[in-house]
């Protein structure tokens, strides 16, 4: 699946997107796998309460299932004006 990173998450990880092969059942499981990769992922995902997630372009939460999912986007909360 494709994992997309936005704003300071992208800056901390150093990538805008990557292709990830995973057996994770949920977004939270995927994030846990990514955090084990390198310190930069652990730093980016240290406080999940400061992040939002979209699964196949639909706002979701970290308990969302990854079954059949093609894209996960992780980003800080958006503000508008």
Protein backbone atom coordinates (compact mmCIF):
# COMPACT_ATOMS: atom_id res chain seq x y z
CA UNK A 1 0.00 0.00 0.00
CA UNK A 2 1.04 3.62 -0.36
CA UNK A 3 1.65 5.61 2.81
CA UNK A 4 1.58 9.40 2.42
CA UNK A 5 3.05 11.86 4.90
CA UNK A 6 2.15 15.55 5.14
CA UNK A 7 3.49 18.70 6.83
CA UNK A 8 5.86 18.13 9.75
CA UNK A 9 5.32 14.36 9.56
CA UNK A 10 6.86 14.43 6.06
CA UNK A 11 9.70 16.63 7.33
CA UNK A 12 10.56 14.30 10.21
CA UNK A 13 10.43 11.15 8.09
CA UNK A 14 12.09 12.75 5.08
CA UNK A 15 9.69 11.31 2.51
CA UNK A 16 6.39 12.51 1.04
CA UNK A 17 5.23 8.94 0.36
CA UNK A 18 6.43 5.37 0.25
CA UNK A 19 5.23 1.95 -0.79
CA UNK A 20 4.91 -0.34 2.23
CA UNK A 21 4.43 -4.09 2.34
CA UNK A 22 2.73 -4.95 5.61
CA UNK A 23 0.70 -7.60 7.38
CA UNK A 24 -0.71 -4.98 9.79
CA UNK A 25 -4.42 -5.35 10.51
CA UNK A 26 -5.05 -1.73 11.50
CA UNK A 27 -3.54 1.70 10.96
CA UNK A 28 -2.23 1.57 14.55
CA UNK A 29 -0.45 -1.72 13.76
CA UNK A 30 1.06 -0.15 10.64
CA UNK A 31 2.32 2.83 12.62
CA UNK A 32 3.83 0.47 15.21
CA UNK A 33 5.67 -1.37 12.41
CA UNK A 34 6.94 1.88 10.95
CA UNK A 35 8.14 3.10 14.36
CA UNK A 36 10.33 0.01 14.62
CA UNK A 37 12.15 0.88 11.37
CA UNK A 38 14.15 3.91 12.40
CA UNK A 39 14.29 6.73 14.92
CA UNK A 40 12.85 9.22 12.43
CA UNK A 41 9.58 7.24 12.28
CA UNK A 42 9.48 6.90 16.06
CA UNK A 43 9.93 10.68 16.36
CA UNK A 44 7.22 11.42 13.80
CA UNK A 45 4.69 9.11 15.46
CA UNK A 46 5.63 9.72 19.11
CA UNK A 47 2.31 11.44 19.90
CA UNK A 48 -0.55 9.92 17.90
CA UNK A 49 -3.00 12.33 19.51
CA UNK A 50 -1.29 15.05 17.44
CA UNK A 51 -2.00 13.21 14.18
CA UNK A 52 -4.92 12.42 11.93
CA UNK A 53 -5.29 9.66 9.36
CA UNK A 54 -7.16 9.09 6.13
CA UNK A 55 -7.72 5.63 4.66
CA UNK A 56 -8.30 5.60 0.91
CA UNK A 57 -8.96 9.36 1.12
CA UNK A 58 -11.61 9.07 3.85
CA UNK A 59 -10.93 10.56 7.30
CA UNK A 60 -10.63 7.72 9.75
CA UNK A 61 -8.88 6.78 12.97
CA UNK A 62 -5.97 4.62 13.99
CA UNK A 63 -8.22 1.63 14.72
CA UNK A 64 -9.34 1.47 11.07
CA UNK A 65 -8.89 -1.85 9.30
CA UNK A 66 -6.34 -2.08 6.50
CA UNK A 67 -8.14 -4.91 4.71
CA UNK A 68 -8.24 -4.01 1.02
CA UNK A 69 -6.78 -0.54 1.64
CA UNK A 70 -4.58 0.99 -1.06
CA UNK A 71 -3.58 4.26 0.61
CA UNK A 72 -3.04 5.60 4.12
CA UNK A 73 -2.31 9.29 4.68
CA UNK A 74 -0.92 10.57 7.97
CA UNK A 75 -0.95 14.28 8.80
CA UNK A 76 -1.31 16.81 11.61
CA UNK A 77 -4.75 18.34 12.19
CA UNK A 78 -5.75 20.88 9.58
CA UNK A 79 -6.75 24.42 10.35
CA UNK A 80 -8.75 26.66 8.12
CA UNK A 81 -9.56 30.25 7.78
